[in-house]
Amino acid sequence: MVNIGKLPVTSKSSVKIMGIINVSPESFYKNSIRTKASDIAKSAASIEQEGAHLVDIGAMSTAPYIENSISIEKETERMLRAIRIVKENCNLPLSIDTPRWSVAKEAVNLGIDCINDITGLKYDDNMTRLVAESKLPVIIGAYDKSRRAGLRSKSGATGKLSRTIKLLKESLRIARRSGIKDNKIIIDPSIGFFRADGKNPFFTLMSDTPWYLRDIEMISRLRELKAQFSYPICVSVSRKSFIGKLLNLETRERLLPSLAFEMVSALNGAKIIRTHSVRETFQALRACELTR
C-alpha cells in the first residue's frame, strides 16, 4: 500500500483520479493551462468537487515534441505560486510533476504529498536523495537517460514491453539503493514519452516501433506489466498525441477516446488515472465499477 497524504492506494482500493493543473503556457493541451491566480484557484476547487482524489501540478511541459526552454528558476517560481494557491482552495493531496531536484526541494518545503518524476529518478541525480529524505511517495516513469549521453545505438532503442519493464527495474534499483521504501513507490509506463526524436531531454529513444503503436501496446498489455511488479500503476493518457495520430483528432476533440483508453487502463490494472477531464473520468469509472 502507498499512502499519498491520507489517501491510500492499494491493490484492492478503487481507482484513484489525479486531476491535472498545468501552469505552464507551453503545455500541449491549451484548455488545461491556468496562469492567472483566479483560474488556478477555480480549477483546484473544481477538481475536488468533480471527484478527483488528488491534484498534480505541472509547471514545465515535458512533452517530447515541445522544446523546453524554461529555466529552473522560472519553473520553481511557477510551481511554488501554484502550490500556495491550490492549497488555499483545495483539500486534496498534492503531487508535483517535475524531473528537477531543486524545484522539488522547494515544493517539499511547502508541504506537498507526492513527487511525479517522468524520468524515473534518472535525470537529476539529486532527486533520489530528496525523495528518500522527504519520505514522500514518488511516481517513477519508465525512462532511458543513456540517449542523452549518446551511449545507446538505435538498434537497441526498442519500444517493446520488455524494455519498459527493464527501465522501470533500473529505477527501482536506484530507489532501493538510496533508501526509498517499497511502500513509497508508484510506477508509470510513460505513455507518450517513447519517441524516435524529440526537442527536450525528457523522452526515451525508440526506433523500432511507431510511437503511437507503442502507446497502444502499453495500454493493452498493462496486465502483463502489473504482473511484473507489486507497485500501484499510474497511467496518463488524457488527450495525448497517440490518440490524435490514430484517430486523426485535434487535442480538443480527444475527450471520448481518452475516456475509453482510461477505462481500458483501469480495467487492466491501473490504480491512478491522471487526467485533464475529472468529471467525465469520474463518471466513466463509476459506470465501470457498477458493472463489476
Protein backbone atom coordinates (compact mmCIF):
# COMPACT_ATOMS: atom_id res chain seq x y z
CA MET A 1 0.00 0.00 0.00
CA VAL A 2 1.11 3.55 -0.79
CA ASN A 3 -0.29 6.50 1.12
CA ILE A 4 -0.34 9.83 -0.73
CA GLY A 5 -1.05 12.18 2.12
CA LYS A 6 -4.04 10.48 3.76
CA LEU A 7 -5.07 8.77 0.51
CA PRO A 8 -4.40 5.01 0.46
CA VAL A 9 -3.63 3.41 -2.89
CA THR A 10 -3.80 -0.37 -2.69
CA SER A 11 -4.35 -3.34 -4.95
CA LYS A 12 -7.88 -3.65 -3.56
CA SER A 13 -8.84 0.03 -3.45
CA SER A 14 -10.89 1.76 -6.12
CA VAL A 15 -9.09 3.52 -8.96
CA LYS A 16 -7.95 6.98 -7.92
CA ILE A 17 -8.28 10.06 -10.12
CA MET A 18 -5.41 12.54 -10.35
CA GLY A 19 -6.60 15.88 -11.70
CA ILE A 20 -4.09 17.90 -13.71
CA ILE A 21 -3.38 21.60 -13.29
CA ASN A 22 -0.90 22.97 -15.82
CA VAL A 23 0.57 26.38 -15.02
CA SER A 24 2.97 26.19 -17.98
CA PRO A 25 1.80 28.21 -21.02
CA GLU A 26 3.77 25.87 -23.31
CA SER A 27 1.76 22.78 -22.33
CA PHE A 28 0.31 20.76 -25.22
CA TYR A 29 -3.36 20.94 -24.15
CA LYS A 30 -4.14 24.64 -24.14
CA ASN A 31 -7.50 24.27 -22.41
CA SER A 32 -5.73 22.86 -19.35
CA ILE A 33 -3.43 25.85 -18.87
CA ARG A 34 -4.03 28.04 -15.83
CA THR A 35 -1.75 31.02 -15.33
CA LYS A 36 -3.95 33.56 -13.53
CA ALA A 37 -4.28 33.10 -9.78
CA SER A 38 -8.06 33.16 -10.02
CA ASP A 39 -8.05 30.45 -12.69
CA ILE A 40 -5.70 28.20 -10.69
CA ALA A 41 -7.91 28.61 -7.63
CA LYS A 42 -11.09 27.87 -9.59
CA SER A 43 -9.53 24.83 -11.24
CA ALA A 44 -8.33 23.42 -7.90
CA ALA A 45 -11.78 23.80 -6.36
CA SER A 46 -13.46 22.26 -9.42
CA ILE A 47 -11.13 19.27 -9.49
CA GLU A 48 -12.05 18.48 -5.90
CA GLN A 49 -15.79 19.00 -6.45
CA GLU A 50 -15.79 16.85 -9.61
CA GLY A 51 -14.50 13.78 -7.83
CA ALA A 52 -10.69 13.75 -8.02
CA HIS A 53 -8.71 12.13 -5.23
CA LEU A 54 -5.51 14.14 -5.70
CA VAL A 55 -4.08 17.01 -7.76
CA ASP A 56 -0.93 17.04 -9.93
CA ILE A 57 0.67 20.40 -10.74
CA GLY A 58 2.90 20.81 -13.77
CA ALA A 59 4.95 23.98 -14.22
CA MET A 60 7.02 22.92 -17.24
CA SER A 61 5.92 20.87 -20.24
CA THR A 62 7.93 17.67 -20.75
CA ALA A 63 6.10 16.58 -23.91
CA PRO A 64 8.82 15.26 -26.27
CA TYR A 65 7.73 17.36 -29.22
CA ILE A 66 7.83 20.65 -27.26
CA GLU A 67 11.13 22.47 -26.95
CA ASN A 68 11.92 23.03 -23.29
CA SER A 69 13.46 26.42 -22.71
CA ILE A 70 12.17 27.00 -19.20
CA SER A 71 14.82 27.81 -16.61
CA ILE A 72 14.86 26.11 -13.24
CA GLU A 73 14.13 29.48 -11.68
CA LYS A 74 11.05 30.02 -13.83
CA GLU A 75 9.72 26.52 -13.19
CA THR A 76 10.28 26.96 -9.44
CA GLU A 77 8.52 30.32 -9.42
CA ARG A 78 5.52 28.92 -11.28
CA MET A 79 5.37 25.78 -9.15
CA LEU A 80 5.57 27.43 -5.74
CA ARG A 81 2.97 30.03 -6.66
CA ALA A 82 0.59 27.33 -7.87
CA ILE A 83 1.12 25.15 -4.78
CA ARG A 84 0.21 28.02 -2.49
CA ILE A 85 -2.94 28.83 -4.47
CA VAL A 86 -4.06 25.20 -4.73
CA LYS A 87 -3.54 24.61 -1.00
CA GLU A 88 -5.75 27.60 -0.23
CA ASN A 89 -8.57 26.34 -2.43
CA CYS A 90 -8.43 22.56 -2.28
CA ASN A 91 -8.07 19.90 0.43
CA LEU A 92 -6.82 17.08 -1.78
CA PRO A 93 -3.33 15.56 -1.57
CA LEU A 94 -0.94 17.41 -3.85
CA SER A 95 1.57 15.95 -6.32
CA ILE A 96 4.08 17.90 -8.38
CA ASP A 97 5.20 16.88 -11.88
CA THR A 98 8.90 17.69 -12.27
CA PRO A 99 12.16 15.85 -13.03
CA ARG A 100 14.22 18.64 -11.39
CA TRP A 101 15.54 18.18 -7.88
CA SER A 102 15.80 21.86 -6.99
CA VAL A 103 12.18 22.51 -8.00
CA ALA A 104 11.01 19.51 -5.99
CA LYS A 105 13.09 20.57 -2.97
CA GLU A 106 11.36 23.93 -2.74
CA ALA A 107 7.98 22.26 -3.22
CA VAL A 108 8.68 19.76 -0.42
CA ASN A 109 9.24 22.72 1.90
CA LEU A 110 5.68 23.85 1.14
CA GLY A 111 4.21 20.53 2.24
CA ILE A 112 3.43 18.59 -0.94
CA ASP A 113 2.39 14.95 -0.72
CA CYS A 114 3.99 13.26 -3.77
CA ILE A 115 6.66 13.75 -6.44
CA ASN A 116 5.87 12.69 -10.01
CA ASP A 117 9.15 12.15 -11.89
CA ILE A 118 8.61 11.06 -15.50
CA THR A 119 12.34 10.28 -15.75
CA GLY A 120 12.24 7.62 -13.03
CA LEU A 121 14.88 9.28 -10.80
CA LYS A 122 17.40 9.21 -13.66
CA TYR A 123 17.50 12.79 -14.96
CA ASP A 124 18.68 14.57 -11.82
CA ASP A 125 20.94 12.55 -9.54
CA ASN A 126 19.90 14.60 -6.50
CA MET A 127 16.22 13.70 -6.87
CA THR A 128 16.68 10.25 -5.35
CA ARG A 129 18.23 11.62 -2.18
CA LEU A 130 15.47 14.21 -1.85
CA VAL A 131 12.74 11.58 -2.17
CA ALA A 132 14.45 9.32 0.37
CA GLU A 133 14.98 12.11 2.89
CA SER A 134 11.49 13.56 2.47
CA LYS A 135 9.88 10.11 2.82
CA LEU A 136 7.31 11.17 0.24
CA PRO A 137 5.83 8.75 -2.29
CA VAL A 138 7.22 9.01 -5.81
CA ILE A 139 5.76 8.16 -9.20
CA ILE A 140 8.55 6.60 -11.25
CA GLY A 141 8.29 6.82 -15.03
CA ALA A 142 9.96 4.45 -17.50
CA TYR A 143 12.92 6.39 -18.89
CA ASP A 144 16.28 5.75 -20.54
CA LYS A 145 18.83 8.51 -19.99
CA SER A 146 21.62 6.81 -21.99
CA ARG A 147 20.35 8.50 -25.15
CA ARG A 148 21.40 11.84 -23.70
CA ALA A 149 24.97 10.66 -23.35
CA GLY A 150 25.00 9.06 -26.79
CA LEU A 151 25.51 5.63 -25.27
CA ARG A 152 22.66 3.74 -26.91
CA SER A 153 22.61 2.69 -30.54
CA LYS A 154 19.35 2.97 -32.42
CA SER A 155 19.28 -0.80 -32.84
CA GLY A 156 18.81 -1.10 -29.07
CA ALA A 157 16.16 1.58 -28.89
CA THR A 158 13.09 -0.59 -28.78
CA GLY A 159 9.54 0.18 -27.74
CA LYS A 160 8.80 -3.37 -26.61
CA LEU A 161 7.16 -4.06 -23.27
CA SER A 162 10.29 -5.88 -22.15
CA ARG A 163 12.30 -2.67 -22.36
CA THR A 164 9.72 -0.71 -20.38
CA ILE A 165 9.97 -3.38 -17.68
CA LYS A 166 13.77 -3.22 -17.78
CA LEU A 167 13.83 0.57 -17.44
CA LEU A 168 11.41 0.52 -14.52
CA LYS A 169 13.52 -2.14 -12.79
CA GLU A 170 16.59 0.09 -13.23
CA SER A 171 14.76 2.94 -11.49
CA LEU A 172 13.61 0.64 -8.71
CA ARG A 173 17.21 -0.43 -8.07
CA ILE A 174 18.22 3.24 -7.87
CA ALA A 175 15.39 3.88 -5.42
CA ARG A 176 16.25 0.95 -3.18
CA ARG A 177 19.96 1.79 -3.10
CA SER A 178 19.03 5.25 -1.87
CA GLY A 179 16.74 4.03 0.87
CA ILE A 180 13.36 4.70 -0.74
CA LYS A 181 10.94 2.18 0.72
CA ASP A 182 8.75 -0.02 -1.47
CA ASN A 183 5.62 1.45 0.11
CA LYS A 184 6.59 4.85 -1.30
CA ILE A 185 6.74 3.79 -4.96
CA ILE A 186 4.23 4.04 -7.81
CA ILE A 187 5.21 3.16 -11.38
CA ASP A 188 4.21 4.73 -14.70
CA PRO A 189 4.76 3.18 -18.18
CA SER A 190 5.28 6.68 -19.62
CA ILE A 191 2.65 6.81 -22.34
CA GLY A 192 3.74 9.40 -24.91
CA PHE A 193 7.40 9.59 -23.88
CA PHE A 194 8.97 6.96 -26.17
CA ARG A 195 9.92 8.59 -29.49
CA ALA A 196 12.29 8.37 -32.44
CA ASP A 197 13.25 12.00 -31.80
CA GLY A 198 12.34 14.91 -29.58
CA LYS A 199 13.07 18.50 -28.65
CA ASN A 200 13.96 18.11 -24.97
CA PRO A 201 15.83 15.63 -22.74
CA PHE A 202 12.74 14.03 -21.23
CA PHE A 203 11.89 11.35 -23.78
CA THR A 204 13.24 7.83 -24.35
CA LEU A 205 14.70 6.96 -27.74
CA MET A 206 12.77 4.34 -29.69
CA SER A 207 13.36 3.45 -33.32
CA ASP A 208 11.83 0.03 -33.98
CA THR A 209 8.15 0.88 -33.44
CA PRO A 210 5.92 3.84 -34.34
CA TRP A 211 5.44 5.76 -31.10
CA TYR A 212 1.65 5.67 -31.27
CA LEU A 213 1.64 1.87 -31.61
CA ARG A 214 3.96 1.54 -28.62
CA ASP A 215 1.49 3.54 -26.54
CA ILE A 216 -1.43 1.37 -27.61
CA GLU A 217 0.56 -1.76 -26.78
CA MET A 218 1.38 -0.49 -23.28
CA ILE A 219 -2.30 0.09 -22.54
CA SER A 220 -3.43 -3.23 -23.98
CA ARG A 221 -0.68 -5.16 -22.17
CA LEU A 222 -0.90 -3.36 -18.86
CA ARG A 223 -1.84 -6.61 -17.08
CA GLU A 224 1.49 -8.07 -18.13
CA LEU A 225 3.27 -5.03 -16.71
CA LYS A 226 1.28 -5.33 -13.50
CA ALA A 227 2.27 -8.98 -13.20
CA GLN A 228 5.94 -7.97 -13.09
CA PHE A 229 5.60 -5.52 -10.20
CA SER A 230 3.90 -5.22 -6.82
CA TYR A 231 3.59 -1.44 -7.07
CA PRO A 232 0.49 0.60 -7.97
CA ILE A 233 0.45 1.77 -11.59
CA CYS A 234 -0.31 5.33 -12.65
CA VAL A 235 -1.40 5.91 -16.26
CA SER A 236 -1.67 9.23 -18.05
CA VAL A 237 -3.30 9.09 -21.49
CA SER A 238 -5.60 12.13 -21.37
CA ARG A 239 -5.72 13.97 -24.73
CA LYS A 240 -2.28 12.65 -25.71
CA SER A 241 -0.86 12.70 -29.20
CA PHE A 242 -1.16 8.95 -29.90
CA ILE A 243 -4.93 9.46 -29.85
CA GLY A 244 -4.65 12.25 -32.38
CA LYS A 245 -2.39 10.17 -34.62
CA LEU A 246 -4.55 7.05 -34.52
CA LEU A 247 -7.91 8.79 -34.93
CA ASN A 248 -6.90 11.99 -36.73
CA LEU A 249 -8.22 14.22 -33.96
CA GLU A 250 -7.14 17.62 -32.67
CA THR A 251 -6.40 17.93 -28.95
CA ARG A 252 -9.80 19.48 -28.22
CA GLU A 253 -11.52 16.52 -29.92
CA ARG A 254 -9.88 13.75 -27.88
CA LEU A 255 -12.14 13.55 -24.81
CA LEU A 256 -14.16 10.45 -25.73
CA PRO A 257 -11.22 8.30 -26.88
CA SER A 258 -9.27 9.50 -23.83
CA LEU A 259 -12.03 8.15 -21.62
CA ALA A 260 -12.05 4.86 -23.50
CA PHE A 261 -8.30 4.40 -23.05
CA GLU A 262 -8.53 5.45 -19.39
CA MET A 263 -11.20 2.82 -18.75
CA VAL A 264 -9.18 0.12 -20.52
CA SER A 265 -6.19 1.13 -18.39
CA ALA A 266 -8.25 0.90 -15.22
CA LEU A 267 -9.71 -2.47 -16.18
CA ASN A 268 -6.19 -3.71 -16.97
CA GLY A 269 -4.84 -2.79 -13.55
CA ALA A 270 -4.04 0.93 -13.34
CA LYS A 271 -4.74 2.31 -9.87
CA ILE A 272 -4.25 6.01 -10.62
CA ILE A 273 -5.61 7.73 -13.72
CA ARG A 274 -4.03 11.11 -14.36
CA THR A 275 -6.47 13.23 -16.37
CA HIS A 276 -7.45 16.67 -17.64
CA SER A 277 -11.15 15.73 -17.50
CA VAL A 278 -12.00 14.86 -13.91
CA ARG A 279 -15.80 14.95 -14.08
CA GLU A 280 -16.01 12.74 -17.15
CA THR A 281 -13.36 10.32 -15.88
CA PHE A 282 -15.14 10.05 -12.53
CA GLN A 283 -18.45 9.26 -14.21
CA ALA A 284 -16.88 6.69 -16.55
CA LEU A 285 -15.09 4.94 -13.70
CA ARG A 286 -18.26 4.83 -11.64
CA ALA A 287 -20.10 3.26 -14.56
CA CYS A 288 -17.37 0.61 -14.90
CA GLU A 289 -17.49 -0.14 -11.16
CA LEU A 290 -21.26 -0.63 -11.30
CA THR A 291 -20.83 -3.47 -13.81
CA ARG A 292 -18.43 -5.47 -11.64
